[in-house]
Amino acid sequence: MSVQPYPVITTPGQTFSVSYELDTDTQVRGFAVSIAYDSSVLSFVQASRGTLFANQNIGWWRVNTDTLNVLHVECLIFGAGLSVTGPGNMLNLTFNAIGGDFSSLRISSQSLYDVSGYAIPSVNKNHGAVIIGNQPAYLSARCFLQGAMDGDAMMHNLLRPHLPLNSPYPGAVQAVTDIPEGVVDWMYLELRESPNARAIATQPVFLLKDGSVCSAGKSFVVFMGLAAGDYYLVLRHRNHLAIMSAITFGLVSSGAPELADLSLATHVYLQSGIVALSDGRCALAAGDADQDGGVFPSDRNEQWQRQNGTSGYRSADFNLDGVVDSQDLQLFWQGNAGLMSAVPGALQ
């Protein structure tokens, strides 16, 4: 199941529609779905049955907006043995964009019913999104931080209780009212037109447990007022080495966002500033507490030694567990000592 188109691009005051799509050739008799959205950004207008159900004997149709920020719709065909078969459009939803710059259209719950009326198990869901504003450019990105790895596929977010509501990067203004559940830490994203060029756009971003990099409050990286095009990406973290993409990735203004996967070593400039994971992917190397572009004695002598035994949001907390201790030194600084970032301009 998916919400289409993904994403919707619109401007304040405009009305738009999305569809709830059955993406496979599954035989269904009905559905129940809840779509979560930001009601400060979108106002719900109406729901209508999609083409799959338009001419069917619908015995149950219910649209409920009683829960704030959640739309619930149920639809069921009456009659023994009656059903429809996908793929196709099951539901149309119309909204008005009233402000803000982004809202997800998250499938918070869903049930598909088979010919006998039983719920079909393990139905996949692909959420929707709405970008509101002029000249957006966006992409998806992925990377991992060595210190936060919890296995090869996911990172822990033990540091979340200590994360500041303001970006920790000097000159990079970004404030939020809360830290979402899956956030590992803040990162800093730069866009360059060539490897040695100055950044033409920058943004503090969130890193999620699955490696996704996204703008605060959004499900991918969004720049407003930026021309769509191909850019080199630089990703910085406050105590890991910075990396840059070895190739350009496209920021688009329509259609599905391109994935800039910097967990692949071949996508990292000179394959530098990274460590290998056991599954063949890579992560930014931990140990650069003073952000001077290398894992040097100063990170141990001037950062770790002074912070050892303290807790909170600390630059020498290389494993991002909220405590500076011997593990940060022995498991990360010692193993990475001498590593340097190859990002042009990173070394200070």
Protein backbone atom coordinates (compact mmCIF):
# COMPACT_ATOMS: atom_id res chain seq x y z
CA MET A 1 0.00 0.00 0.00
CA SER A 2 1.23 3.50 -0.75
CA VAL A 3 0.17 7.13 -0.71
CA GLN A 4 0.65 8.69 -4.16
CA PRO A 5 2.03 10.90 -5.59
CA TYR A 6 5.14 10.90 -3.44
CA PRO A 7 5.80 13.60 -2.59
CA VAL A 8 3.12 16.17 -3.37
CA ILE A 9 4.54 19.60 -4.28
CA THR A 10 2.18 22.50 -3.64
CA THR A 11 2.00 26.09 -2.39
CA PRO A 12 0.04 27.73 0.45
CA GLY A 13 -3.66 28.08 -0.29
CA GLN A 14 -3.72 25.34 -2.89
CA THR A 15 -6.00 22.29 -2.83
CA PHE A 16 -4.55 18.93 -3.82
CA SER A 17 -5.46 15.25 -3.81
CA VAL A 18 -3.61 12.05 -3.01
CA SER A 19 -4.58 8.43 -3.50
CA TYR A 20 -4.26 5.38 -1.27
CA GLU A 21 -3.05 2.73 -3.68
CA LEU A 22 -3.16 -1.06 -3.68
CA ASP A 23 0.21 -1.80 -5.28
CA THR A 24 -0.13 -5.55 -5.89
CA ASP A 25 -2.61 -7.93 -7.55
CA THR A 26 -4.20 -8.75 -4.19
CA GLN A 27 -7.89 -9.63 -4.00
CA VAL A 28 -9.64 -7.51 -1.34
CA ARG A 29 -13.15 -6.92 -0.08
CA GLY A 30 -12.44 -3.74 1.84
CA PHE A 31 -10.03 -1.73 3.94
CA ALA A 32 -9.61 0.42 7.01
CA VAL A 33 -6.84 3.01 7.08
CA SER A 34 -5.69 5.83 9.35
CA ILE A 35 -3.60 8.63 7.84
CA ALA A 36 -1.73 10.93 10.22
CA TYR A 37 -0.98 14.48 9.07
CA ASP A 38 -0.12 17.89 10.51
CA SER A 39 -3.37 19.82 10.87
CA SER A 40 -1.47 23.08 11.37
CA VAL A 41 -0.18 22.64 7.81
CA LEU A 42 -3.03 20.81 6.06
CA SER A 43 -6.80 20.96 6.38
CA PHE A 44 -8.80 17.91 5.32
CA VAL A 45 -11.44 18.59 2.65
CA GLN A 46 -13.00 15.29 1.60
CA ALA A 47 -12.58 11.55 0.99
CA SER A 48 -13.97 9.60 -1.94
CA ARG A 49 -13.82 5.99 -3.05
CA GLY A 50 -11.13 5.15 -5.57
CA THR A 51 -11.67 3.56 -8.95
CA LEU A 52 -11.40 0.00 -7.58
CA PHE A 53 -14.46 0.58 -5.36
CA ALA A 54 -16.33 3.21 -7.39
CA ASN A 55 -18.99 0.89 -8.88
CA GLN A 56 -19.13 -1.75 -6.17
CA ASN A 57 -21.92 -2.60 -3.74
CA ILE A 58 -20.49 -0.66 -0.79
CA GLY A 59 -22.31 -1.59 2.40
CA TRP A 60 -20.03 0.22 4.83
CA TRP A 61 -18.37 3.60 4.25
CA ARG A 62 -17.10 5.66 7.16
CA VAL A 63 -14.91 8.79 7.32
CA ASN A 64 -13.87 9.88 10.82
CA THR A 65 -11.91 13.03 11.71
CA ASP A 66 -12.60 13.03 15.45
CA THR A 67 -8.93 12.44 16.37
CA LEU A 68 -6.67 15.46 15.98
CA ASN A 69 -4.17 15.05 13.13
CA VAL A 70 -5.60 11.67 12.09
CA LEU A 71 -8.05 10.78 9.32
CA HIS A 72 -9.71 7.35 9.51
CA VAL A 73 -11.55 5.78 6.56
CA GLU A 74 -13.30 2.41 6.32
CA CYS A 75 -14.83 0.81 3.22
CA LEU A 76 -16.37 -2.65 2.79
CA ILE A 77 -18.18 -4.40 -0.08
CA PHE A 78 -21.36 -6.22 0.93
CA GLY A 79 -22.33 -9.45 -0.80
CA ALA A 80 -21.10 -13.01 -0.62
CA GLY A 81 -17.92 -13.62 -2.60
CA LEU A 82 -17.66 -10.05 -3.89
CA SER A 83 -14.24 -8.40 -4.07
CA VAL A 84 -11.90 -6.33 -6.23
CA THR A 85 -8.38 -7.10 -7.40
CA GLY A 86 -5.43 -4.71 -7.54
CA PRO A 87 -3.33 -2.98 -8.40
CA GLY A 88 -5.38 0.18 -8.36
CA ASN A 89 -6.71 3.22 -6.55
CA MET A 90 -8.70 2.43 -3.40
CA LEU A 91 -9.22 5.87 -1.90
CA ASN A 92 -8.87 9.55 -2.83
CA LEU A 93 -8.16 12.22 -0.20
CA THR A 94 -8.33 15.97 -0.75
CA PHE A 95 -6.53 18.53 1.44
CA ASN A 96 -5.88 22.24 1.45
CA ALA A 97 -2.36 23.54 2.17
CA ILE A 98 -2.82 26.22 4.83
CA GLY A 99 0.76 26.98 5.90
CA GLY A 100 4.09 25.63 7.00
CA ASP A 101 6.44 23.88 4.62
CA PHE A 102 5.97 20.13 5.11
CA SER A 103 3.63 17.44 6.35
CA SER A 104 3.97 13.71 6.24
CA LEU A 105 0.97 11.60 5.27
CA ARG A 106 1.80 8.65 7.45
CA ILE A 107 -0.16 5.41 7.31
CA SER A 108 -0.46 5.00 11.07
CA SER A 109 -2.61 1.88 10.79
CA GLN A 110 -4.22 -0.15 8.03
CA SER A 111 -6.16 -3.34 7.46
CA LEU A 112 -6.99 -5.04 4.16
CA TYR A 113 -9.81 -7.58 4.18
CA ASP A 114 -9.90 -10.68 1.97
CA VAL A 115 -12.97 -12.14 0.23
CA SER A 116 -14.10 -13.76 3.48
CA GLY A 117 -13.68 -10.54 5.45
CA TYR A 118 -10.55 -11.57 7.32
CA ALA A 119 -7.62 -9.18 7.73
CA ILE A 120 -4.71 -9.91 5.38
CA PRO A 121 -1.50 -10.18 7.43
CA SER A 122 1.79 -8.31 6.92
CA VAL A 123 0.70 -5.62 4.48
CA ASN A 124 3.52 -3.24 3.54
CA LYS A 125 2.98 0.50 3.74
CA ASN A 126 4.72 3.39 2.01
CA HIS A 127 3.90 6.74 3.56
CA GLY A 128 3.20 9.97 1.71
CA ALA A 129 4.58 13.49 2.10
CA VAL A 130 3.64 17.05 1.15
CA ILE A 131 6.15 19.84 0.49
CA ILE A 132 4.62 23.31 0.63
CA GLY A 133 6.54 26.25 -0.79
CA ASN A 134 8.26 27.76 -3.78
CA GLN A 135 11.14 26.09 -5.62
CA PRO A 136 11.83 23.09 -3.37
CA ALA A 137 14.75 20.77 -4.07
CA TYR A 138 15.06 17.54 -2.16
CA LEU A 139 16.73 14.14 -1.86
CA SER A 140 17.11 11.20 0.49
CA ALA A 141 20.47 10.45 2.09
CA ARG A 142 21.95 7.70 4.23
CA CYS A 143 25.06 7.31 6.36
CA PHE A 144 26.14 5.68 9.61
CA LEU A 145 28.19 6.84 12.59
CA GLN A 146 30.72 4.28 13.83
CA GLY A 147 30.25 5.18 17.48
CA ALA A 148 26.49 4.61 17.43
CA MET A 149 26.44 1.31 15.55
CA ASP A 150 24.27 -1.37 17.14
CA GLY A 151 25.01 -4.22 14.76
CA ASP A 152 25.43 -3.50 11.06
CA ALA A 153 22.00 -2.29 10.03
CA MET A 154 20.94 0.06 12.80
CA MET A 155 22.32 2.60 15.25
CA HIS A 156 21.30 3.11 18.86
CA ASN A 157 20.02 6.46 20.06
CA LEU A 158 21.09 6.35 23.70
CA LEU A 159 22.09 10.01 23.43
CA ARG A 160 18.57 11.18 22.60
CA PRO A 161 17.73 12.41 26.15
CA HIS A 162 20.76 14.71 25.97
CA LEU A 163 20.28 16.07 22.44
CA PRO A 164 19.89 19.87 22.35
CA LEU A 165 16.84 21.49 20.82
CA ASN A 166 19.17 23.82 18.91
CA SER A 167 21.70 22.75 16.31
CA PRO A 168 25.16 22.31 17.91
CA TYR A 169 26.97 23.59 14.81
CA PRO A 170 28.18 27.22 15.01
CA GLY A 171 26.39 29.49 12.57
CA ALA A 172 23.91 26.77 11.62
CA VAL A 173 20.67 28.02 13.10
CA GLN A 174 17.99 25.38 13.53
CA ALA A 175 15.68 24.96 16.51
CA VAL A 176 13.03 22.34 17.24
CA THR A 177 10.50 21.96 20.02
CA ASP A 178 11.23 18.26 20.59
CA ILE A 179 13.55 15.49 19.44
CA PRO A 180 11.69 12.76 17.52
CA GLU A 181 11.90 9.19 18.79
CA GLY A 182 14.28 7.75 16.19
CA VAL A 183 16.91 10.51 16.15
CA VAL A 184 20.54 9.54 16.84
CA ASP A 185 22.11 13.02 16.68
CA TRP A 186 22.37 16.25 14.74
CA MET A 187 24.55 16.36 11.63
CA TYR A 188 25.51 19.14 9.22
CA LEU A 189 24.94 18.86 5.47
CA GLU A 190 26.67 20.90 2.77
CA LEU A 191 25.99 21.04 -0.96
CA ARG A 192 28.88 21.80 -3.33
CA GLU A 193 28.96 22.22 -7.09
CA SER A 194 32.51 20.78 -7.24
CA PRO A 195 34.70 19.04 -4.65
CA ASN A 196 36.86 22.10 -3.96
CA ALA A 197 34.11 24.71 -4.17
CA ARG A 198 32.51 26.52 -1.29
CA ALA A 199 29.18 25.21 -0.10
CA ILE A 200 26.27 26.83 -1.91
CA ALA A 201 23.75 25.61 0.67
CA THR A 202 24.00 24.16 4.17
CA GLN A 203 21.57 22.75 6.69
CA PRO A 204 21.60 21.12 10.13
CA VAL A 205 19.88 17.75 9.76
CA PHE A 206 18.82 14.79 11.86
CA LEU A 207 20.38 11.34 11.59
CA LEU A 208 17.93 8.51 12.31
CA LYS A 209 18.64 5.02 13.66
CA ASP A 210 18.33 3.39 10.22
CA GLY A 211 20.87 5.81 8.73
CA SER A 212 18.36 8.15 7.13
CA VAL A 213 19.40 11.79 6.98
CA CYS A 214 16.50 14.23 7.01
CA SER A 215 15.62 17.84 7.57
CA ALA A 216 14.08 18.51 10.99
CA GLY A 217 10.39 17.64 10.88
CA LYS A 218 10.63 16.06 7.45
CA SER A 219 11.15 12.56 6.04
CA PHE A 220 14.01 13.52 3.69
CA VAL A 221 16.30 16.51 3.07
CA VAL A 222 14.51 19.57 1.70
CA PHE A 223 15.99 22.90 0.59
CA MET A 224 13.64 25.74 -0.34
CA GLY A 225 14.57 28.31 -2.96
CA LEU A 226 17.34 26.11 -4.37
CA ALA A 227 17.59 25.10 -8.00
CA ALA A 228 17.23 21.38 -8.62
CA GLY A 229 20.45 19.86 -9.92
CA ASP A 230 23.44 17.65 -9.21
CA TYR A 231 25.57 18.37 -6.14
CA TYR A 232 28.35 16.89 -4.06
CA LEU A 233 27.22 16.19 -0.51
CA VAL A 234 29.37 16.81 2.57
CA LEU A 235 28.22 15.29 5.86
CA ARG A 236 29.78 16.47 9.10
CA HIS A 237 29.37 15.30 12.67
CA ARG A 238 30.66 16.92 15.84
CA ASN A 239 32.97 14.03 16.85
CA HIS A 240 33.28 11.86 13.74
CA LEU A 241 35.29 12.56 10.59
CA ALA A 242 33.56 14.47 7.81
CA ILE A 243 32.93 12.75 4.47
CA MET A 244 31.99 13.91 0.99
CA SER A 245 30.31 12.06 -1.82
CA ALA A 246 32.60 10.81 -4.59
CA ILE A 247 29.93 11.58 -7.17
CA THR A 248 27.14 14.09 -7.50
CA PHE A 249 23.60 13.28 -6.50
CA GLY A 250 20.49 14.90 -7.84
CA LEU A 251 18.24 17.16 -5.84
CA VAL A 252 14.91 17.04 -7.62
CA SER A 253 11.89 19.33 -7.64
CA SER A 254 9.33 16.64 -8.48
CA GLY A 255 8.96 12.89 -8.30
CA ALA A 256 10.54 10.46 -5.86
CA PRO A 257 13.75 11.69 -4.20
CA GLU A 258 17.08 10.19 -5.25
CA LEU A 259 18.97 8.25 -2.57
CA ALA A 260 22.49 9.46 -1.82
CA ASP A 261 23.79 6.35 -0.06
CA LEU A 262 27.02 7.29 1.72
CA SER A 263 27.02 4.02 3.61
CA LEU A 264 28.64 2.61 0.45
CA ALA A 265 32.40 3.19 0.43
CA THR A 266 32.43 3.60 -3.34
CA HIS A 267 30.21 6.66 -2.90
CA VAL A 268 32.63 8.32 -0.45
CA TYR A 269 35.28 10.73 -1.74
CA LEU A 270 38.69 8.94 -1.75
CA GLN A 271 37.05 6.38 0.57
CA SER A 272 38.53 8.41 3.42
CA GLY A 273 37.23 9.28 6.88
CA ILE A 274 35.36 5.99 7.13
CA VAL A 275 35.65 2.56 8.74
CA ALA A 276 34.33 -0.69 7.27
CA LEU A 277 31.35 -2.48 8.75
CA SER A 278 31.18 -6.27 8.69
CA ASP A 279 28.32 -6.28 6.16
CA GLY A 280 30.43 -4.44 3.57
CA ARG A 281 29.04 -0.99 4.21
CA CYS A 282 30.89 1.83 5.95
CA ALA A 283 30.47 4.41 8.70
CA LEU A 284 32.00 7.77 9.52
CA ALA A 285 35.03 7.17 11.75
CA ALA A 286 34.73 8.28 15.38
CA GLY A 287 37.34 10.24 17.33
CA ASP A 288 37.47 13.80 15.98
CA ALA A 289 36.28 15.55 19.13
CA ASP A 290 37.60 19.00 18.20
CA GLN A 291 36.40 18.81 14.56
CA ASP A 292 39.82 19.67 13.14
CA GLY A 293 39.59 17.03 10.44
CA GLY A 294 41.64 14.25 12.01
CA VAL A 295 41.81 11.83 14.92
CA PHE A 296 44.84 13.35 16.59
CA PRO A 297 46.45 13.42 20.08
CA SER A 298 44.59 16.67 20.77
CA ASP A 299 41.30 14.76 20.72
CA ARG A 300 42.61 12.58 23.54
CA ASN A 301 44.64 15.14 25.52
CA GLU A 302 42.45 18.21 25.26
CA GLN A 303 39.02 16.64 24.91
CA TRP A 304 38.76 13.09 26.27
CA GLN A 305 41.05 13.57 29.31
CA ARG A 306 39.20 16.70 30.40
CA GLN A 307 35.77 15.14 29.94
CA ASN A 308 36.47 11.63 31.21
CA GLY A 309 33.92 10.66 33.86
CA THR A 310 31.35 13.25 32.82
CA SER A 311 27.97 12.69 31.21
CA GLY A 312 25.66 14.55 28.86
CA TYR A 313 26.18 15.93 25.37
CA ARG A 314 29.98 15.73 25.24
CA SER A 315 32.38 16.00 22.31
CA ALA A 316 34.56 13.11 23.61
CA ASP A 317 31.59 10.73 23.92
CA PHE A 318 32.60 8.83 20.79
CA ASN A 319 30.14 5.97 21.25
CA LEU A 320 27.27 8.42 21.81
CA ASP A 321 25.94 6.74 24.93
CA GLY A 322 25.85 9.92 27.03
CA VAL A 323 28.94 9.08 29.12
CA VAL A 324 32.63 9.80 28.53
CA ASP A 325 34.69 6.85 29.77
CA SER A 326 37.46 4.41 28.85
CA GLN A 327 35.37 2.77 26.13
CA ASP A 328 35.41 5.99 24.11
CA LEU A 329 39.20 6.07 24.27
CA GLN A 330 40.01 2.38 23.86
CA LEU A 331 37.37 1.32 21.35
CA PHE A 332 37.34 4.39 19.14
CA TRP A 333 40.10 6.97 19.56
CA GLN A 334 42.92 4.41 19.80
CA GLY A 335 41.68 2.36 16.84
CA ASN A 336 41.21 5.41 14.62
CA ALA A 337 44.23 7.49 15.71
CA GLY A 338 45.84 9.06 12.65
CA LEU A 339 42.79 8.84 10.39
CA MET A 340 41.93 12.05 8.55
CA SER A 341 39.05 13.42 6.53
CA ALA A 342 39.72 13.92 2.84
CA VAL A 343 37.02 16.55 2.42
CA PRO A 344 38.72 19.60 0.87
CA GLY A 345 38.92 22.26 3.57
CA ALA A 346 38.22 19.83 6.42
CA LEU A 347 41.69 19.87 7.99
CA GLN A 348 42.32 22.85 10.25
